Amino acid sequence: MNEGVDSQAGSGQTGQRSRGDIADFVEEVLEMLSDARDGGQEELSRLRERVQDGAQRLKASAYERQQQVRAAAGKAAEHADEYAHDNPWQVAAIAGAVGLLLGVLIARR
């Protein structure tokens, strides 16, 4: 059970790193644009290459994060499946209680 909590904490850190990567990339692009104002066509070509390289790095980083989240979700699903198989009556009781609660809430409207 604790592994699920650990994987959730890790996915939060992953989201923070992704936002940091994006912020760094945007800051770098804005800095390059500022520098490019003073340059000519050659500077624009270099700027274009650097932006493309940065975008590729960001895309690779996003793909890596996606794979990490997918793996964590798979582990969570495995744990839920194990729990349901180990405790079928508890799962049935919980599902029944949730269904009853939803039925009461819907009937009140």
PDB file of N, CA and C in Angstrom:
ATOM      1  N   MET A   1       0.817  -1.204   0.000  1.00  0.00           N
ATOM      2  CA  MET A   1       0.000   0.000   0.000  1.00  0.00           C
ATOM      3  C   MET A   1       0.856   1.261   0.000  1.00  0.00           C
ATOM      4  N   ASN A   2       1.963   1.266   0.731  1.00  0.00           N
ATOM      5  CA  ASN A   2       2.820   2.441   0.795  1.00  0.00           C
ATOM      6  C   ASN A   2       3.464   2.750  -0.541  1.00  0.00           C
ATOM      7  N   GLU A   3       3.626   1.720  -1.384  1.00  0.00           N
ATOM      8  CA  GLU A   3       4.244   1.959  -2.681  1.00  0.00           C
ATOM      9  C   GLU A   3       3.373   2.880  -3.523  1.00  0.00           C
ATOM     10  N   GLY A   4       2.043   2.741  -3.404  1.00  0.00           N
ATOM     11  CA  GLY A   4       1.140   3.611  -4.142  1.00  0.00           C
ATOM     12  C   GLY A   4       1.297   5.055  -3.714  1.00  0.00           C
ATOM     13  N   VAL A   5       1.473   5.259  -2.424  1.00  0.00           N
ATOM     14  CA  VAL A   5       1.672   6.614  -1.918  1.00  0.00           C
ATOM     15  C   VAL A   5       2.987   7.177  -2.444  1.00  0.00           C
ATOM     16  N   ASP A   6       4.036   6.341  -2.452  1.00  0.00           N
ATOM     17  CA  ASP A   6       5.330   6.790  -2.960  1.00  0.00           C
ATOM     18  C   ASP A   6       5.244   7.162  -4.428  1.00  0.00           C
ATOM     19  N   SER A   7       4.527   6.361  -5.225  1.00  0.00           N
ATOM     20  CA  SER A   7       4.446   6.655  -6.648  1.00  0.00           C
ATOM     21  C   SER A   7       3.635   7.917  -6.896  1.00  0.00           C
ATOM     22  N   GLN A   8       2.641   8.201  -6.032  1.00  0.00           N
ATOM     23  CA  GLN A   8       1.884   9.429  -6.184  1.00  0.00           C
ATOM     24  C   GLN A   8       2.768  10.630  -5.881  1.00  0.00           C
ATOM     25  N   ALA A   9       3.580  10.534  -4.858  1.00  0.00           N
ATOM     26  CA  ALA A   9       4.481  11.635  -4.522  1.00  0.00           C
ATOM     27  C   ALA A   9       5.464  11.862  -5.656  1.00  0.00           C
ATOM     28  N   GLY A  10       5.954  10.795  -6.263  1.00  0.00           N
ATOM     29  CA  GLY A  10       6.892  10.913  -7.373  1.00  0.00           C
ATOM     30  C   GLY A  10       6.263  11.585  -8.575  1.00  0.00           C
ATOM     31  N   SER A  11       4.980  11.306  -8.843  1.00  0.00           N
ATOM     32  CA  SER A  11       4.339  11.923  -9.991  1.00  0.00           C
ATOM     33  C   SER A  11       4.148  13.413  -9.768  1.00  0.00           C
ATOM     34  N   GLY A  12       3.963  13.851  -8.507  1.00  0.00           N
ATOM     35  CA  GLY A  12       3.879  15.274  -8.210  1.00  0.00           C
ATOM     36  C   GLY A  12       5.187  15.968  -8.492  1.00  0.00           C
ATOM     37  N   GLN A  13       6.285  15.323  -8.136  1.00  0.00           N
ATOM     38  CA  GLN A  13       7.599  15.886  -8.412  1.00  0.00           C
ATOM     39  C   GLN A  13       7.837  15.938  -9.911  1.00  0.00           C
ATOM     40  N   THR A  14       7.329  14.945 -10.629  1.00  0.00           N
ATOM     41  CA  THR A  14       7.474  14.922 -12.078  1.00  0.00           C
ATOM     42  C   THR A  14       6.775  16.118 -12.694  1.00  0.00           C
ATOM     43  N   GLY A  15       5.582  16.433 -12.206  1.00  0.00           N
ATOM     44  CA  GLY A  15       4.852  17.586 -12.723  1.00  0.00           C
ATOM     45  C   GLY A  15       5.578  18.883 -12.463  1.00  0.00           C
ATOM     46  N   GLN A  16       6.182  18.999 -11.287  1.00  0.00           N
ATOM     47  CA  GLN A  16       6.931  20.210 -10.960  1.00  0.00           C
ATOM     48  C   GLN A  16       8.155  20.336 -11.852  1.00  0.00           C
ATOM     49  N   ARG A  17       8.817  19.210 -12.114  1.00  0.00           N
ATOM     50  CA  ARG A  17       9.996  19.264 -12.994  1.00  0.00           C
ATOM     51  C   ARG A  17       9.581  19.653 -14.398  1.00  0.00           C
ATOM     52  N   SER A  18       8.444  19.137 -14.887  1.00  0.00           N
ATOM     53  CA  SER A  18       7.983  19.464 -16.232  1.00  0.00           C
ATOM     54  C   SER A  18       7.708  20.952 -16.357  1.00  0.00           C
ATOM     55  N   ARG A  19       7.026  21.514 -15.355  1.00  0.00           N
ATOM     56  CA  ARG A  19       6.751  22.950 -15.393  1.00  0.00           C
ATOM     57  C   ARG A  19       8.053  23.739 -15.358  1.00  0.00           C
ATOM     58  N   GLY A  20       9.026  23.260 -14.600  1.00  0.00           N
ATOM     59  CA  GLY A  20      10.323  23.925 -14.549  1.00  0.00           C
ATOM     60  C   GLY A  20      11.029  23.862 -15.885  1.00  0.00           C
ATOM     61  N   ASP A  21      10.957  22.715 -16.556  1.00  0.00           N
ATOM     62  CA  ASP A  21      11.571  22.571 -17.878  1.00  0.00           C
ATOM     63  C   ASP A  21      10.929  23.528 -18.867  1.00  0.00           C
ATOM     64  N   ILE A  22       9.623  23.631 -18.819  1.00  0.00           N
ATOM     65  CA  ILE A  22       8.908  24.511 -19.748  1.00  0.00           C
ATOM     66  C   ILE A  22       9.266  25.967 -19.462  1.00  0.00           C
ATOM     67  N   ALA A  23       9.279  26.332 -18.187  1.00  0.00           N
ATOM     68  CA  ALA A  23       9.619  27.709 -17.818  1.00  0.00           C
ATOM     69  C   ALA A  23      11.042  28.049 -18.251  1.00  0.00           C
ATOM     70  N   ASP A  24      11.959  27.112 -18.057  1.00  0.00           N
ATOM     71  CA  ASP A  24      13.349  27.344 -18.475  1.00  0.00           C
ATOM     72  C   ASP A  24      13.430  27.532 -19.982  1.00  0.00           C
ATOM     73  N   PHE A  25      12.699  26.701 -20.722  1.00  0.00           N
ATOM     74  CA  PHE A  25      12.716  26.783 -22.177  1.00  0.00           C
ATOM     75  C   PHE A  25      12.163  28.127 -22.644  1.00  0.00           C
ATOM     76  N   VAL A  26      11.036  28.545 -22.081  1.00  0.00           N
ATOM     77  CA  VAL A  26      10.432  29.824 -22.471  1.00  0.00           C
ATOM     78  C   VAL A  26      11.372  30.975 -22.140  1.00  0.00           C
ATOM     79  N   GLU A  27      11.991  30.932 -20.965  1.00  0.00           N
ATOM     80  CA  GLU A  27      12.928  31.986 -20.573  1.00  0.00           C
ATOM     81  C   GLU A  27      14.113  32.043 -21.544  1.00  0.00           C
ATOM     82  N   GLU A  28      14.601  30.877 -21.933  1.00  0.00           N
ATOM     83  CA  GLU A  28      15.727  30.827 -22.867  1.00  0.00           C
ATOM     84  C   GLU A  28      15.330  31.395 -24.227  1.00  0.00           C
ATOM     85  N   VAL A  29      14.124  31.054 -24.692  1.00  0.00           N
ATOM     86  CA  VAL A  29      13.654  31.559 -25.986  1.00  0.00           C
ATOM     87  C   VAL A  29      13.508  33.080 -25.941  1.00  0.00           C
ATOM     88  N   LEU A  30      12.934  33.594 -24.862  1.00  0.00           N
ATOM     89  CA  LEU A  30      12.773  35.045 -24.758  1.00  0.00           C
ATOM     90  C   LEU A  30      14.123  35.752 -24.727  1.00  0.00           C
ATOM     91  N   GLU A  31      15.080  35.157 -24.039  1.00  0.00           N
ATOM     92  CA  GLU A  31      16.424  35.738 -24.002  1.00  0.00           C
ATOM     93  C   GLU A  31      17.043  35.727 -25.397  1.00  0.00           C
ATOM     94  N   MET A  32      16.862  34.632 -26.116  1.00  0.00           N
ATOM     95  CA  MET A  32      17.428  34.541 -27.458  1.00  0.00           C
ATOM     96  C   MET A  32      16.760  35.543 -28.398  1.00  0.00           C
ATOM     97  N   LEU A  33      15.450  35.730 -28.241  1.00  0.00           N
ATOM     98  CA  LEU A  33      14.764  36.711 -29.079  1.00  0.00           C
ATOM     99  C   LEU A  33      15.295  38.114 -28.815  1.00  0.00           C
ATOM    100  N   SER A  34      15.531  38.398 -27.561  1.00  0.00           N
ATOM    101  CA  SER A  34      16.080  39.700 -27.203  1.00  0.00           C
ATOM    102  C   SER A  34      17.458  39.889 -27.842  1.00  0.00           C
ATOM    103  N   ASP A  35      18.279  38.848 -27.797  1.00  0.00           N
ATOM    104  CA  ASP A  35      19.612  38.917 -28.404  1.00  0.00           C
ATOM    105  C   ASP A  35      19.524  39.021 -29.923  1.00  0.00           C
ATOM    106  N   ALA A  36      18.521  38.391 -30.519  1.00  0.00           N
ATOM    107  CA  ALA A  36      18.406  38.338 -31.976  1.00  0.00           C
ATOM    108  C   ALA A  36      17.973  39.677 -32.566  1.00  0.00           C
ATOM    109  N   ARG A  37      17.367  40.522 -31.769  1.00  0.00           N
ATOM    110  CA  ARG A  37      16.934  41.827 -32.282  1.00  0.00           C
ATOM    111  C   ARG A  37      18.109  42.627 -32.821  1.00  0.00           C
ATOM    112  N   ASP A  38      19.259  42.445 -32.193  1.00  0.00           N
ATOM    113  CA  ASP A  38      20.438  43.193 -32.599  1.00  0.00           C
ATOM    114  C   ASP A  38      21.158  42.548 -33.784  1.00  0.00           C
ATOM    115  N   GLY A  39      20.921  41.263 -34.016  1.00  0.00           N
ATOM    116  CA  GLY A  39      21.621  40.540 -35.079  1.00  0.00           C
ATOM    117  C   GLY A  39      20.853  40.571 -36.382  1.00  0.00           C
ATOM    118  N   GLY A  40      21.434  39.957 -37.395  1.00  0.00           N
ATOM    119  CA  GLY A  40      20.809  39.910 -38.704  1.00  0.00           C
ATOM    120  C   GLY A  40      20.256  38.526 -39.004  1.00  0.00           C
ATOM    121  N   GLN A  41      20.264  38.187 -40.281  1.00  0.00           N
ATOM    122  CA  GLN A  41      19.713  36.905 -40.744  1.00  0.00           C
ATOM    123  C   GLN A  41      20.468  35.717 -40.152  1.00  0.00           C
ATOM    124  N   GLU A  42      21.771  35.867 -40.025  1.00  0.00           N
ATOM    125  CA  GLU A  42      22.580  34.781 -39.470  1.00  0.00           C
ATOM    126  C   GLU A  42      22.178  34.492 -38.024  1.00  0.00           C
ATOM    127  N   GLU A  43      21.957  35.554 -37.271  1.00  0.00           N
ATOM    128  CA  GLU A  43      21.528  35.396 -35.870  1.00  0.00           C
ATOM    129  C   GLU A  43      20.157  34.737 -35.801  1.00  0.00           C
ATOM    130  N   LEU A  44      19.274  35.091 -36.715  1.00  0.00           N
ATOM    131  CA  LEU A  44      17.946  34.459 -36.746  1.00  0.00           C
ATOM    132  C   LEU A  44      18.043  32.971 -37.058  1.00  0.00           C
ATOM    133  N   SER A  45      18.944  32.599 -37.945  1.00  0.00           N
ATOM    134  CA  SER A  45      19.125  31.181 -38.268  1.00  0.00           C
ATOM    135  C   SER A  45      19.615  30.409 -37.049  1.00  0.00           C
ATOM    136  N   ARG A  46      20.579  30.982 -36.338  1.00  0.00           N
ATOM    137  CA  ARG A  46      21.065  30.333 -35.117  1.00  0.00           C
ATOM    138  C   ARG A  46      19.960  30.241 -34.070  1.00  0.00           C
ATOM    139  N   LEU A  47      19.176  31.294 -33.966  1.00  0.00           N
ATOM    140  CA  LEU A  47      18.065  31.308 -33.022  1.00  0.00           C
ATOM    141  C   LEU A  47      17.072  30.191 -33.355  1.00  0.00           C
ATOM    142  N   ARG A  48      16.741  30.073 -34.621  1.00  0.00           N
ATOM    143  CA  ARG A  48      15.803  29.038 -35.063  1.00  0.00           C
ATOM    144  C   ARG A  48      16.330  27.649 -34.691  1.00  0.00           C
ATOM    145  N   GLU A  49      17.603  27.404 -34.917  1.00  0.00           N
ATOM    146  CA  GLU A  49      18.198  26.105 -34.585  1.00  0.00           C
ATOM    147  C   GLU A  49      18.155  25.845 -33.085  1.00  0.00           C
ATOM    148  N   ARG A  50      18.477  26.856 -32.297  1.00  0.00           N
ATOM    149  CA  ARG A  50      18.468  26.676 -30.838  1.00  0.00           C
ATOM    150  C   ARG A  50      17.061  26.425 -30.323  1.00  0.00           C
ATOM    151  N   VAL A  51      16.082  27.125 -30.888  1.00  0.00           N
ATOM    152  CA  VAL A  51      14.694  26.907 -30.467  1.00  0.00           C
ATOM    153  C   VAL A  51      14.254  25.497 -30.845  1.00  0.00           C
ATOM    154  N   GLN A  52      14.605  25.052 -32.032  1.00  0.00           N
ATOM    155  CA  GLN A  52      14.246  23.699 -32.454  1.00  0.00           C
ATOM    156  C   GLN A  52      14.911  22.656 -31.566  1.00  0.00           C
ATOM    157  N   ASP A  53      16.173  22.868 -31.230  1.00  0.00           N
ATOM    158  CA  ASP A  53      16.865  21.944 -30.322  1.00  0.00           C
ATOM    159  C   ASP A  53      16.192  21.914 -28.949  1.00  0.00           C
ATOM    160  N   GLY A  54      15.863  23.095 -28.448  1.00  0.00           N
ATOM    161  CA  GLY A  54      15.190  23.171 -27.157  1.00  0.00           C
ATOM    162  C   GLY A  54      13.827  22.500 -27.183  1.00  0.00           C
ATOM    163  N   ALA A  55      13.099  22.687 -28.264  1.00  0.00           N
ATOM    164  CA  ALA A  55      11.786  22.057 -28.397  1.00  0.00           C
ATOM    165  C   ALA A  55      11.925  20.536 -28.441  1.00  0.00           C
ATOM    166  N   GLN A  56      12.946  20.042 -29.113  1.00  0.00           N
ATOM    167  CA  GLN A  56      13.176  18.596 -29.162  1.00  0.00           C
ATOM    168  C   GLN A  56      13.511  18.048 -27.779  1.00  0.00           C
ATOM    169  N   ARG A  57      14.347  18.770 -27.034  1.00  0.00           N
ATOM    170  CA  ARG A  57      14.678  18.338 -25.670  1.00  0.00           C
ATOM    171  C   ARG A  57      13.435  18.325 -24.788  1.00  0.00           C
ATOM    172  N   LEU A  58      12.620  19.366 -24.925  1.00  0.00           N
ATOM    173  CA  LEU A  58      11.389  19.456 -24.145  1.00  0.00           C
ATOM    174  C   LEU A  58      10.435  18.326 -24.506  1.00  0.00           C
ATOM    175  N   LYS A  59      10.340  18.013 -25.779  1.00  0.00           N
ATOM    176  CA  LYS A  59       9.472  16.920 -26.239  1.00  0.00           C
ATOM    177  C   LYS A  59       9.970  15.584 -25.683  1.00  0.00           C
ATOM    178  N   ALA A  60      11.275  15.364 -25.708  1.00  0.00           N
ATOM    179  CA  ALA A  60      11.840  14.122 -25.172  1.00  0.00           C
ATOM    180  C   ALA A  60      11.591  14.029 -23.668  1.00  0.00           C
ATOM    181  N   SER A  61      11.735  15.149 -22.983  1.00  0.00           N
ATOM    182  CA  SER A  61      11.498  15.180 -21.547  1.00  0.00           C
ATOM    183  C   SER A  61      10.032  14.881 -21.236  1.00  0.00           C
ATOM    184  N   ALA A  62       9.126  15.446 -22.012  1.00  0.00           N
ATOM    185  CA  ALA A  62       7.697  15.204 -21.812  1.00  0.00           C
ATOM    186  C   ALA A  62       7.363  13.740 -22.061  1.00  0.00           C
ATOM    187  N   TYR A  63       7.977  13.145 -23.080  1.00  0.00           N
ATOM    188  CA  TYR A  63       7.731  11.735 -23.369  1.00  0.00           C
ATOM    189  C   TYR A  63       8.216  10.861 -22.218  1.00  0.00           C
ATOM    190  N   GLU A  64       9.383  11.199 -21.681  1.00  0.00           N
ATOM    191  CA  GLU A  64       9.925  10.442 -20.543  1.00  0.00           C
ATOM    192  C   GLU A  64       8.989  10.543 -19.343  1.00  0.00           C
ATOM    193  N   ARG A  65       8.498  11.743 -19.072  1.00  0.00           N
ATOM    194  CA  ARG A  65       7.572  11.930 -17.957  1.00  0.00           C
ATOM    195  C   ARG A  65       6.277  11.149 -18.182  1.00  0.00           C
ATOM    196  N   GLN A  66       5.809  11.132 -19.423  1.00  0.00           N
ATOM    197  CA  GLN A  66       4.598  10.382 -19.754  1.00  0.00           C
ATOM    198  C   GLN A  66       4.799   8.895 -19.457  1.00  0.00           C
ATOM    199  N   GLN A  67       5.951   8.375 -19.803  1.00  0.00           N
ATOM    200  CA  GLN A  67       6.231   6.965 -19.537  1.00  0.00           C
ATOM    201  C   GLN A  67       6.281   6.686 -18.038  1.00  0.00           C
ATOM    202  N   GLN A  68       6.837   7.620 -17.263  1.00  0.00           N
ATOM    203  CA  GLN A  68       6.896   7.451 -15.811  1.00  0.00           C
ATOM    204  C   GLN A  68       5.494   7.444 -15.206  1.00  0.00           C
ATOM    205  N   VAL A  69       4.640   8.349 -15.665  1.00  0.00           N
ATOM    206  CA  VAL A  69       3.267   8.413 -15.158  1.00  0.00           C
ATOM    207  C   VAL A  69       2.507   7.160 -15.555  1.00  0.00           C
ATOM    208  N   ARG A  70       2.708   6.705 -16.778  1.00  0.00           N
ATOM    209  CA  ARG A  70       2.034   5.492 -17.253  1.00  0.00           C
ATOM    210  C   ARG A  70       2.448   4.286 -16.402  1.00  0.00           C
ATOM    211  N   ALA A  71       3.722   4.183 -16.080  1.00  0.00           N
ATOM    212  CA  ALA A  71       4.204   3.073 -15.253  1.00  0.00           C
ATOM    213  C   ALA A  71       3.600   3.147 -13.849  1.00  0.00           C
ATOM    214  N   ALA A  72       3.540   4.358 -13.284  1.00  0.00           N
ATOM    215  CA  ALA A  72       2.955   4.530 -11.945  1.00  0.00           C
ATOM    216  C   ALA A  72       1.472   4.175 -11.950  1.00  0.00           C
ATOM    217  N   ALA A  73       0.764   4.560 -12.997  1.00  0.00           N
ATOM    218  CA  ALA A  73      -0.662   4.231 -13.094  1.00  0.00           C
ATOM    219  C   ALA A  73      -0.854   2.724 -13.229  1.00  0.00           C
ATOM    220  N   GLY A  74       0.029   2.074 -13.966  1.00  0.00           N
ATOM    221  CA  GLY A  74      -0.042   0.618 -14.097  1.00  0.00           C
ATOM    222  C   GLY A  74       0.158  -0.071 -12.757  1.00  0.00           C
ATOM    223  N   LYS A  75       1.115   0.420 -11.968  1.00  0.00           N
ATOM    224  CA  LYS A  75       1.347  -0.152 -10.642  1.00  0.00           C
ATOM    225  C   LYS A  75       0.119   0.042  -9.749  1.00  0.00           C
ATOM    226  N   ALA A  76      -0.471   1.231  -9.810  1.00  0.00           N
ATOM    227  CA  ALA A  76      -1.662   1.509  -8.996  1.00  0.00           C
ATOM    228  C   ALA A  76      -2.802   0.573  -9.398  1.00  0.00           C
ATOM    229  N   ALA A  77      -2.967   0.343 -10.679  1.00  0.00           N
ATOM    230  CA  ALA A  77      -4.020  -0.561 -11.152  1.00  0.00           C
ATOM    231  C   ALA A  77      -3.754  -1.993 -10.686  1.00  0.00           C
ATOM    232  N   GLU A  78      -2.496  -2.403 -10.708  1.00  0.00           N
ATOM    233  CA  GLU A  78      -2.145  -3.745 -10.222  1.00  0.00           C
ATOM    234  C   GLU A  78      -2.468  -3.889  -8.741  1.00  0.00           C
ATOM    235  N   HIS A  79      -2.150  -2.860  -7.950  1.00  0.00           N
ATOM    236  CA  HIS A  79      -2.438  -2.895  -6.510  1.00  0.00           C
ATOM    237  C   HIS A  79      -3.943  -2.953  -6.262  1.00  0.00           C
ATOM    238  N   ALA A  80      -4.703  -2.176  -7.028  1.00  0.00           N
ATOM    239  CA  ALA A  80      -6.159  -2.187  -6.869  1.00  0.00           C
ATOM    240  C   ALA A  80      -6.719  -3.558  -7.243  1.00  0.00           C
ATOM    241  N   ASP A  81      -6.191  -4.150  -8.290  1.00  0.00           N
ATOM    242  CA  ASP A  81      -6.642  -5.482  -8.716  1.00  0.00           C
ATOM    243  C   ASP A  81      -6.320  -6.528  -7.649  1.00  0.00           C
ATOM    244  N   GLU A  82      -5.113  -6.459  -7.099  1.00  0.00           N
ATOM    245  CA  GLU A  82      -4.737  -7.392  -6.030  1.00  0.00           C
ATOM    246  C   GLU A  82      -5.661  -7.237  -4.824  1.00  0.00           C
ATOM    247  N   TYR A  83      -5.938  -5.996  -4.452  1.00  0.00           N
ATOM    248  CA  TYR A  83      -6.802  -5.741  -3.303  1.00  0.00           C
ATOM    249  C   TYR A  83      -8.197  -6.301  -3.554  1.00  0.00           C
ATOM    250  N   ALA A  84      -8.712  -6.080  -4.760  1.00  0.00           N
ATOM    251  CA  ALA A  84     -10.052  -6.578  -5.087  1.00  0.00           C
ATOM    252  C   ALA A  84     -10.095  -8.103  -5.046  1.00  0.00           C
ATOM    253  N   HIS A  85      -9.035  -8.761  -5.475  1.00  0.00           N
ATOM    254  CA  HIS A  85      -8.998 -10.220  -5.435  1.00  0.00           C
ATOM    255  C   HIS A  85      -8.803 -10.752  -4.017  1.00  0.00           C
ATOM    256  N   ASP A  86      -8.033 -10.035  -3.220  1.00  0.00           N
ATOM    257  CA  ASP A  86      -7.785 -10.469  -1.839  1.00  0.00           C
ATOM    258  C   ASP A  86      -8.966 -10.179  -0.917  1.00  0.00           C
ATOM    259  N   ASN A  87      -9.746  -9.152  -1.214  1.00  0.00           N
ATOM    260  CA  ASN A  87     -10.845  -8.714  -0.339  1.00  0.00           C
ATOM    261  C   ASN A  87     -12.133  -8.480  -1.149  1.00  0.00           C
ATOM    262  N   PRO A  88     -12.673  -9.514  -1.783  1.00  0.00           N
ATOM    263  CA  PRO A  88     -13.835  -9.292  -2.662  1.00  0.00           C
ATOM    264  C   PRO A  88     -15.076  -8.787  -1.918  1.00  0.00           C
ATOM    265  N   TRP A  89     -15.299  -9.243  -0.687  1.00  0.00           N
ATOM    266  CA  TRP A  89     -16.494  -8.824   0.043  1.00  0.00           C
ATOM    267  C   TRP A  89     -16.385  -7.360   0.467  1.00  0.00           C
ATOM    268  N   GLN A  90     -15.215  -6.933   0.837  1.00  0.00           N
ATOM    269  CA  GLN A  90     -15.040  -5.524   1.192  1.00  0.00           C
ATOM    270  C   GLN A  90     -15.280  -4.632  -0.021  1.00  0.00           C
ATOM    271  N   VAL A  91     -14.768  -5.054  -1.157  1.00  0.00           N
ATOM    272  CA  VAL A  91     -14.952  -4.280  -2.391  1.00  0.00           C
ATOM    273  C   VAL A  91     -16.434  -4.225  -2.744  1.00  0.00           C
ATOM    274  N   ALA A  92     -17.126  -5.351  -2.621  1.00  0.00           N
ATOM    275  CA  ALA A  92     -18.561  -5.382  -2.918  1.00  0.00           C
ATOM    276  C   ALA A  92     -19.332  -4.481  -1.961  1.00  0.00           C
ATOM    277  N   ALA A  93     -18.960  -4.492  -0.685  1.00  0.00           N
ATOM    278  CA  ALA A  93     -19.641  -3.655   0.299  1.00  0.00           C
ATOM    279  C   ALA A  93     -19.402  -2.170   0.010  1.00  0.00           C
ATOM    280  N   ILE A  94     -18.179  -1.828  -0.336  1.00  0.00           N
ATOM    281  CA  ILE A  94     -17.853  -0.431  -0.651  1.00  0.00           C
ATOM    282  C   ILE A  94     -18.620   0.015  -1.893  1.00  0.00           C
ATOM    283  N   ALA A  95     -18.640  -0.828  -2.913  1.00  0.00           N
ATOM    284  CA  ALA A  95     -19.358  -0.492  -4.140  1.00  0.00           C
ATOM    285  C   ALA A  95     -20.851  -0.334  -3.856  1.00  0.00           C
ATOM    286  N   GLY A  96     -21.416  -1.207  -3.016  1.00  0.00           N
ATOM    287  CA  GLY A  96     -22.822  -1.099  -2.662  1.00  0.00           C
ATOM    288  C   GLY A  96     -23.118   0.188  -1.906  1.00  0.00           C
ATOM    289  N   ALA A  97     -22.230   0.553  -0.972  1.00  0.00           N
ATOM    290  CA  ALA A  97     -22.427   1.779  -0.198  1.00  0.00           C
ATOM    291  C   ALA A  97     -22.357   3.006  -1.093  1.00  0.00           C
ATOM    292  N   VAL A  98     -21.413   3.018  -2.019  1.00  0.00           N
ATOM    293  CA  VAL A  98     -21.298   4.145  -2.952  1.00  0.00           C
ATOM    294  C   VAL A  98     -22.546   4.223  -3.828  1.00  0.00           C
ATOM    295  N   GLY A  99     -23.016   3.068  -4.299  1.00  0.00           N
ATOM    296  CA  GLY A  99     -24.233   3.044  -5.113  1.00  0.00           C
ATOM    297  C   GLY A  99     -25.447   3.535  -4.342  1.00  0.00           C
ATOM    298  N   LEU A 100     -25.575   3.106  -3.088  1.00  0.00           N
ATOM    299  CA  LEU A 100     -26.683   3.559  -2.243  1.00  0.00           C
ATOM    300  C   LEU A 100     -26.610   5.068  -2.030  1.00  0.00           C
ATOM    301  N   LEU A 101     -25.425   5.571  -1.732  1.00  0.00           N
ATOM    302  CA  LEU A 101     -25.244   7.005  -1.520  1.00  0.00           C
ATOM    303  C   LEU A 101     -25.610   7.800  -2.773  1.00  0.00           C
ATOM    304  N   LEU A 102     -25.152   7.356  -3.919  1.00  0.00           N
ATOM    305  CA  LEU A 102     -25.493   8.038  -5.174  1.00  0.00           C
ATOM    306  C   LEU A 102     -26.992   7.985  -5.423  1.00  0.00           C
ATOM    307  N   GLY A 103     -27.621   6.830  -5.151  1.00  0.00           N
ATOM    308  CA  GLY A 103     -29.054   6.709  -5.325  1.00  0.00           C
ATOM    309  C   GLY A 103     -29.825   7.684  -4.446  1.00  0.00           C
ATOM    310  N   VAL A 104     -29.398   7.814  -3.190  1.00  0.00           N
ATOM    311  CA  VAL A 104     -30.051   8.759  -2.281  1.00  0.00           C
ATOM    312  C   VAL A 104     -29.874  10.192  -2.768  1.00  0.00           C
ATOM    313  N   LEU A 105     -28.666  10.526  -3.200  1.00  0.00           N
ATOM    314  CA  LEU A 105     -28.403  11.891  -3.670  1.00  0.00           C
ATOM    315  C   LEU A 105     -29.213  12.209  -4.923  1.00  0.00           C
ATOM    316  N   ILE A 106     -29.319  11.265  -5.826  1.00  0.00           N
ATOM    317  CA  ILE A 106     -30.081  11.492  -7.063  1.00  0.00           C
ATOM    318  C   ILE A 106     -31.566  11.604  -6.760  1.00  0.00           C
ATOM    319  N   ALA A 107     -32.055  10.777  -5.818  1.00  0.00           N
ATOM    320  CA  ALA A 107     -33.482  10.796  -5.483  1.00  0.00           C
ATOM    321  C   ALA A 107     -33.880  12.101  -4.800  1.00  0.00           C
ATOM    322  N   ARG A 108     -32.987  12.758  -4.125  1.00  0.00           N
ATOM    323  CA  ARG A 108     -33.304  14.000  -3.421  1.00  0.00           C
ATOM    324  C   ARG A 108     -33.542  15.154  -4.387  1.00  0.00           C
ATOM    325  N   ARG A 109     -33.052  15.066  -5.583  1.00  0.00           N
ATOM    326  CA  ARG A 109     -33.200  16.175  -6.562  1.00  0.00           C
ATOM    327  C   ARG A 109     -34.488  16.117  -7.236  1.00  0.00           C
TER     328      ARG A 109
END
